[in-house]
Amino acid sequence: MQQIHTQLHIKAAPAQVFDAWLVPRLLGQWMFPGHADAHAVLRMDLDPREGGDLYIQTQHGDAAIRYSGSYLEIERPHRLAFTWTPETPDGVFPGRVQLEVTASGDGSHLALLESVPAMTAGHAHFTPLHWSNRLGALSSLFS
């Protein structure tokens, strides 16, 4: 297993940061940050309860990309874990994402850990960058 760690300070209360992962209107604003080759979100179905499923369908250029998973742990507002499986033209990359959100100074400290099986070098290279971009966009929601 490969593990990707990302941390960030966000100027918002833990409950606000946590809810941004579970409320479709909020998640859609930051999960696929806007830039020249941004994903267009076509469908987003979230059932945010332990055992509930998540499904997001996006369009990235000519490619359809689907993200699916299940919520494993929900301890609002501090801990969230879910499976996360991007299905891209390059393959299917199952993983597990775990978040820890704690109060810190003027906001929250968010620690993200993604565990993924050994992957192709190309995909592994971009995974940390994708989460870094996503969390930057999440932080911008509260700026």
Protein backbone atom coordinates (compact mmCIF):
# COMPACT_ATOMS: atom_id res chain seq x y z
CA MET A 1 0.00 0.00 0.00
CA GLN A 2 1.10 3.51 -0.77
CA GLN A 3 0.09 6.24 1.67
CA ILE A 4 -0.34 9.89 0.80
CA HIS A 5 -0.38 12.41 3.67
CA THR A 6 -1.64 15.96 3.23
CA GLN A 7 -2.19 18.56 5.96
CA LEU A 8 -3.66 22.02 5.89
CA HIS A 9 -4.81 24.80 8.21
CA ILE A 10 -8.23 26.15 7.26
CA LYS A 11 -9.76 29.31 8.71
CA ALA A 12 -13.10 27.72 9.60
CA ALA A 13 -14.55 25.77 12.51
CA PRO A 14 -14.17 21.96 12.40
CA ALA A 15 -17.92 21.50 11.80
CA GLN A 16 -17.79 23.76 8.73
CA VAL A 17 -14.77 21.94 7.30
CA PHE A 18 -16.34 18.55 8.02
CA ASP A 19 -19.67 19.47 6.42
CA ALA A 20 -17.89 20.61 3.25
CA TRP A 21 -17.10 16.91 2.66
CA LEU A 22 -20.69 15.71 3.08
CA VAL A 23 -23.00 18.42 1.70
CA PRO A 24 -23.22 18.02 -2.11
CA ARG A 25 -23.61 21.77 -2.79
CA LEU A 26 -20.40 22.46 -0.83
CA LEU A 27 -18.43 19.45 -2.07
CA GLY A 28 -19.18 20.41 -5.67
CA GLN A 29 -17.67 23.86 -5.09
CA TRP A 30 -14.19 22.61 -4.22
CA MET A 31 -13.58 18.91 -4.94
CA PHE A 32 -12.76 19.58 -8.60
CA PRO A 33 -11.04 22.97 -8.51
CA GLY A 34 -11.53 25.32 -11.42
CA HIS A 35 -8.61 25.65 -13.80
CA ALA A 36 -8.07 25.32 -17.54
CA ASP A 37 -8.67 21.54 -17.58
CA ALA A 38 -11.21 21.36 -14.77
CA HIS A 39 -13.67 18.54 -14.33
CA ALA A 40 -17.31 19.32 -15.01
CA VAL A 41 -19.45 17.62 -12.35
CA LEU A 42 -22.31 15.84 -14.15
CA ARG A 43 -23.78 13.91 -11.21
CA MET A 44 -23.22 13.74 -7.47
CA ASP A 45 -25.06 11.31 -5.17
CA LEU A 46 -24.02 11.23 -1.52
CA ASP A 47 -25.58 9.15 1.26
CA PRO A 48 -23.49 10.49 4.17
CA ARG A 49 -24.01 7.84 6.82
CA GLU A 50 -21.84 4.91 7.83
CA GLY A 51 -22.41 2.28 5.15
CA GLY A 52 -23.85 4.85 2.75
CA ASP A 53 -22.50 5.23 -0.77
CA LEU A 54 -21.03 8.10 -2.73
CA TYR A 55 -20.97 8.49 -6.49
CA ILE A 56 -19.64 11.39 -8.52
CA GLN A 57 -19.53 11.49 -12.32
CA THR A 58 -17.37 14.10 -14.03
CA GLN A 59 -16.28 15.02 -17.51
CA HIS A 60 -12.60 15.86 -18.01
CA GLY A 61 -12.11 16.89 -21.62
CA ASP A 62 -13.32 13.93 -23.67
CA ALA A 63 -13.00 11.49 -20.76
CA ALA A 64 -15.77 10.46 -18.40
CA ILE A 65 -14.42 9.90 -14.88
CA ARG A 66 -16.41 8.28 -12.12
CA TYR A 67 -15.63 8.30 -8.41
CA SER A 68 -17.40 5.84 -6.17
CA GLY A 69 -17.07 4.68 -2.60
CA SER A 70 -18.71 4.00 0.72
CA TYR A 71 -18.62 5.88 4.00
CA LEU A 72 -16.79 3.78 6.60
CA GLU A 73 -16.67 6.15 9.60
CA ILE A 74 -18.46 9.41 10.31
CA GLU A 75 -17.71 11.05 13.65
CA ARG A 76 -18.84 14.63 13.13
CA PRO A 77 -16.99 16.96 13.23
CA HIS A 78 -13.63 15.26 13.71
CA ARG A 79 -13.25 12.03 11.76
CA LEU A 80 -14.37 10.82 8.35
CA ALA A 81 -13.26 7.73 6.44
CA PHE A 82 -14.50 6.45 3.10
CA THR A 83 -13.45 4.31 0.20
CA TRP A 84 -12.55 6.34 -2.90
CA THR A 85 -12.33 4.69 -6.30
CA PRO A 86 -11.62 6.84 -9.35
CA GLU A 87 -12.48 5.04 -12.60
CA THR A 88 -10.53 6.73 -15.39
CA PRO A 89 -9.59 5.80 -18.96
CA ASP A 90 -6.21 4.73 -17.48
CA GLY A 91 -7.78 2.26 -15.06
CA VAL A 92 -9.54 1.84 -11.74
CA PHE A 93 -7.66 2.99 -8.63
CA PRO A 94 -9.35 1.89 -5.38
CA GLY A 95 -8.27 3.55 -2.18
CA ARG A 96 -9.29 4.63 1.30
CA VAL A 97 -9.38 8.24 2.52
CA GLN A 98 -9.27 9.17 6.17
CA LEU A 99 -9.70 12.70 7.52
CA GLU A 100 -8.98 14.09 10.96
CA VAL A 101 -10.25 17.60 11.69
CA THR A 102 -9.21 19.36 14.91
CA ALA A 103 -9.67 22.88 16.23
CA SER A 104 -6.48 24.88 15.85
CA GLY A 105 -5.97 28.56 16.59
CA ASP A 106 -8.25 30.60 14.32
CA GLY A 107 -9.66 27.57 12.52
CA SER A 108 -9.05 23.89 11.93
CA HIS A 109 -6.21 21.56 11.17
CA LEU A 110 -7.14 19.01 8.51
CA ALA A 111 -5.03 15.88 8.09
CA LEU A 112 -5.80 13.64 5.13
CA LEU A 113 -4.40 10.16 4.64
CA GLU A 114 -5.11 8.26 1.43
CA SER A 115 -4.11 4.61 1.25
CA VAL A 116 -3.92 3.12 -2.22
CA PRO A 117 -2.53 -0.14 -3.61
CA ALA A 118 0.65 -0.06 -5.66
CA MET A 119 -0.28 1.90 -8.76
CA THR A 120 1.17 2.94 -12.04
CA ALA A 121 3.90 5.55 -11.62
CA GLY A 122 1.97 8.14 -13.62
CA HIS A 123 -1.12 7.94 -11.46
CA ALA A 124 0.85 7.81 -8.20
CA HIS A 125 2.67 11.00 -9.20
CA PHE A 126 -0.55 12.97 -9.59
CA THR A 127 -2.47 11.73 -6.54
CA PRO A 128 -0.68 13.96 -3.99
CA LEU A 129 -1.01 16.91 -6.36
CA HIS A 130 -4.73 16.29 -6.82
CA TRP A 131 -5.36 16.26 -3.07
CA SER A 132 -3.17 19.33 -2.55
CA ASN A 133 -5.16 21.22 -5.22
CA ARG A 134 -8.46 20.01 -3.81
CA LEU A 135 -7.62 21.01 -0.24
CA GLY A 136 -6.41 24.40 -1.44
CA ALA A 137 -9.81 24.91 -3.07
CA LEU A 138 -11.54 23.72 0.13
CA SER A 139 -9.58 26.29 2.13
CA SER A 140 -10.58 29.00 -0.37
CA LEU A 141 -14.26 28.37 0.43
CA PHE A 142 -13.63 29.94 3.82
CA SER A 143 -11.33 32.81 2.81
